[in-house]
């Protein structure tokens, strides 16, 4: 939800409507932790590339 543009307080209100009580600071902590985990994972991905390439007229 956060990455689609919702604010942390809007996410808190959304959970509240579902009957789940979560503070906005807790949601921000989740986002921070998830972002760090995702960043570490993506930085570890190394593309396999060859030594040649093909050029086309397009």
N, C-alpha and C. Protein backbone atom coordinates (compact mmCIF):
# COMPACT_ATOMS: atom_id res chain seq x y z
N UNK A 1 0.82 -1.19 0.00
CA UNK A 1 0.00 0.00 0.00
C UNK A 1 0.87 1.26 0.00
N UNK A 2 1.94 1.22 0.79
CA UNK A 2 2.81 2.39 0.89
C UNK A 2 3.47 2.68 -0.45
N UNK A 3 3.91 1.64 -1.12
CA UNK A 3 4.61 1.82 -2.39
C UNK A 3 3.66 2.18 -3.54
N UNK A 4 2.37 2.04 -3.32
CA UNK A 4 1.42 2.46 -4.35
C UNK A 4 0.94 3.90 -4.12
N UNK A 5 1.50 4.57 -3.08
CA UNK A 5 1.20 5.98 -2.87
C UNK A 5 0.40 6.32 -1.63
N UNK A 6 -0.02 5.33 -0.86
CA UNK A 6 -0.78 5.62 0.36
C UNK A 6 0.15 6.11 1.46
N UNK A 7 -0.32 7.05 2.25
CA UNK A 7 0.47 7.52 3.38
C UNK A 7 0.38 6.49 4.51
N UNK A 8 1.28 6.63 5.46
CA UNK A 8 1.32 5.71 6.60
C UNK A 8 0.04 5.84 7.42
N UNK A 9 -0.45 7.04 7.56
CA UNK A 9 -1.70 7.25 8.32
C UNK A 9 -2.90 6.67 7.58
N UNK A 10 -2.90 6.74 6.25
CA UNK A 10 -3.99 6.13 5.48
C UNK A 10 -3.97 4.61 5.64
N UNK A 11 -2.78 4.04 5.67
CA UNK A 11 -2.65 2.60 5.88
C UNK A 11 -3.17 2.24 7.27
N UNK A 12 -2.83 3.06 8.27
CA UNK A 12 -3.33 2.84 9.63
C UNK A 12 -4.86 2.86 9.64
N UNK A 13 -5.46 3.83 8.97
CA UNK A 13 -6.92 3.91 8.91
C UNK A 13 -7.52 2.72 8.18
N UNK A 14 -6.85 2.25 7.14
CA UNK A 14 -7.33 1.11 6.38
C UNK A 14 -7.36 -0.14 7.26
N UNK A 15 -6.30 -0.36 8.03
CA UNK A 15 -6.27 -1.49 8.96
C UNK A 15 -7.32 -1.34 10.04
N UNK A 16 -7.53 -0.11 10.49
CA UNK A 16 -8.53 0.14 11.53
C UNK A 16 -9.93 -0.23 11.05
N UNK A 17 -10.22 0.05 9.78
CA UNK A 17 -11.53 -0.31 9.23
C UNK A 17 -11.70 -1.82 9.16
N UNK A 18 -10.59 -2.57 9.08
CA UNK A 18 -10.67 -4.03 9.06
C UNK A 18 -10.69 -4.61 10.47
N UNK A 19 -10.60 -3.74 11.48
CA UNK A 19 -10.65 -4.19 12.86
C UNK A 19 -9.30 -4.51 13.46
N UNK A 20 -8.23 -4.07 12.79
CA UNK A 20 -6.87 -4.31 13.28
C UNK A 20 -6.30 -2.99 13.78
N UNK A 21 -5.91 -2.95 15.05
CA UNK A 21 -5.36 -1.74 15.64
C UNK A 21 -3.84 -1.77 15.51
N UNK A 22 -3.30 -0.90 14.66
CA UNK A 22 -1.86 -0.79 14.45
C UNK A 22 -1.51 0.70 14.43
N UNK A 23 -0.45 1.05 15.14
CA UNK A 23 -0.01 2.44 15.16
C UNK A 23 0.76 2.76 13.89
N UNK A 24 0.71 4.03 13.47
CA UNK A 24 1.39 4.42 12.23
C UNK A 24 2.90 4.29 12.34
N UNK A 25 3.45 4.44 13.55
CA UNK A 25 4.90 4.27 13.70
C UNK A 25 5.32 2.81 13.52
N UNK A 26 4.45 1.89 13.91
CA UNK A 26 4.72 0.47 13.69
C UNK A 26 4.72 0.16 12.20
N UNK A 27 3.79 0.73 11.48
CA UNK A 27 3.72 0.52 10.03
C UNK A 27 4.98 1.06 9.38
N UNK A 28 5.44 2.24 9.82
CA UNK A 28 6.67 2.80 9.25
C UNK A 28 7.87 1.90 9.55
N UNK A 29 7.91 1.30 10.75
CA UNK A 29 8.99 0.38 11.10
C UNK A 29 8.96 -0.84 10.18
N UNK A 30 7.77 -1.37 9.88
CA UNK A 30 7.65 -2.50 8.95
C UNK A 30 8.18 -2.13 7.57
N UNK A 31 7.79 -0.94 7.11
CA UNK A 31 8.22 -0.48 5.78
C UNK A 31 9.74 -0.33 5.75
N UNK A 32 10.32 0.24 6.79
CA UNK A 32 11.76 0.43 6.87
C UNK A 32 12.48 -0.93 6.85
N UNK A 33 12.00 -1.88 7.63
CA UNK A 33 12.62 -3.20 7.69
C UNK A 33 12.49 -3.92 6.35
N UNK A 34 11.30 -3.86 5.74
CA UNK A 34 11.08 -4.51 4.45
C UNK A 34 11.96 -3.89 3.37
N UNK A 35 12.10 -2.57 3.38
CA UNK A 35 12.92 -1.88 2.37
C UNK A 35 14.38 -2.30 2.48
N UNK A 36 14.89 -2.42 3.70
CA UNK A 36 16.28 -2.83 3.89
C UNK A 36 16.49 -4.27 3.42
N UNK A 37 15.54 -5.16 3.74
CA UNK A 37 15.66 -6.55 3.31
C UNK A 37 15.63 -6.65 1.78
N UNK A 38 14.73 -5.91 1.16
CA UNK A 38 14.61 -5.92 -0.29
C UNK A 38 15.85 -5.36 -0.95
N UNK A 39 16.39 -4.29 -0.40
CA UNK A 39 17.60 -3.68 -0.94
C UNK A 39 18.77 -4.65 -0.88
N UNK A 40 18.94 -5.33 0.24
CA UNK A 40 20.03 -6.30 0.36
C UNK A 40 19.87 -7.43 -0.66
N UNK A 41 18.66 -7.90 -0.84
CA UNK A 41 18.41 -8.98 -1.80
C UNK A 41 18.71 -8.53 -3.22
N UNK A 42 18.21 -7.37 -3.60
CA UNK A 42 18.39 -6.89 -4.96
C UNK A 42 19.85 -6.53 -5.26
N UNK A 43 20.58 -6.04 -4.27
CA UNK A 43 22.00 -5.74 -4.47
C UNK A 43 22.82 -7.01 -4.68
N UNK A 44 22.32 -8.13 -4.21
CA UNK A 44 23.02 -9.40 -4.38
C UNK A 44 22.80 -10.05 -5.73
N UNK A 45 21.87 -9.56 -6.51
CA UNK A 45 21.59 -10.14 -7.82
C UNK A 45 22.58 -9.59 -8.84
N UNK A 46 23.30 -10.50 -9.48
CA UNK A 46 24.27 -10.10 -10.50
C UNK A 46 23.81 -10.72 -11.83
N UNK A 47 23.57 -9.89 -12.84
CA UNK A 47 23.13 -10.44 -14.11
C UNK A 47 24.24 -11.23 -14.79
N UNK A 48 23.85 -12.30 -15.45
CA UNK A 48 24.81 -13.09 -16.22
C UNK A 48 24.86 -12.54 -17.63
N UNK A 49 25.99 -11.98 -17.99
CA UNK A 49 26.15 -11.41 -19.33
C UNK A 49 27.30 -12.10 -20.03
N UNK A 50 27.22 -12.11 -21.33
CA UNK A 50 28.27 -12.73 -22.13
C UNK A 50 29.30 -11.72 -22.59
N UNK A 51 30.16 -12.18 -23.49
CA UNK A 51 31.23 -11.32 -24.00
C UNK A 51 30.90 -10.74 -25.37
N UNK A 52 29.73 -11.07 -25.93
CA UNK A 52 29.36 -10.55 -27.25
C UNK A 52 27.96 -9.97 -27.19
N UNK A 53 27.63 -9.16 -28.19
CA UNK A 53 26.28 -8.61 -28.30
C UNK A 53 25.89 -8.55 -29.77
N UNK A 54 24.59 -8.46 -29.99
CA UNK A 54 24.05 -8.42 -31.34
C UNK A 54 23.40 -7.05 -31.57
N UNK A 55 23.73 -6.41 -32.67
CA UNK A 55 23.13 -5.13 -33.02
C UNK A 55 22.17 -5.34 -34.18
N UNK A 56 21.06 -4.63 -34.15
CA UNK A 56 20.06 -4.75 -35.19
C UNK A 56 19.77 -3.36 -35.74
N UNK A 57 19.21 -3.30 -36.95
CA UNK A 57 18.90 -2.00 -37.56
C UNK A 57 17.77 -1.26 -36.85
N UNK A 58 16.98 -1.96 -36.12
CA UNK A 58 15.82 -1.35 -35.47
C UNK A 58 16.33 -0.49 -34.40
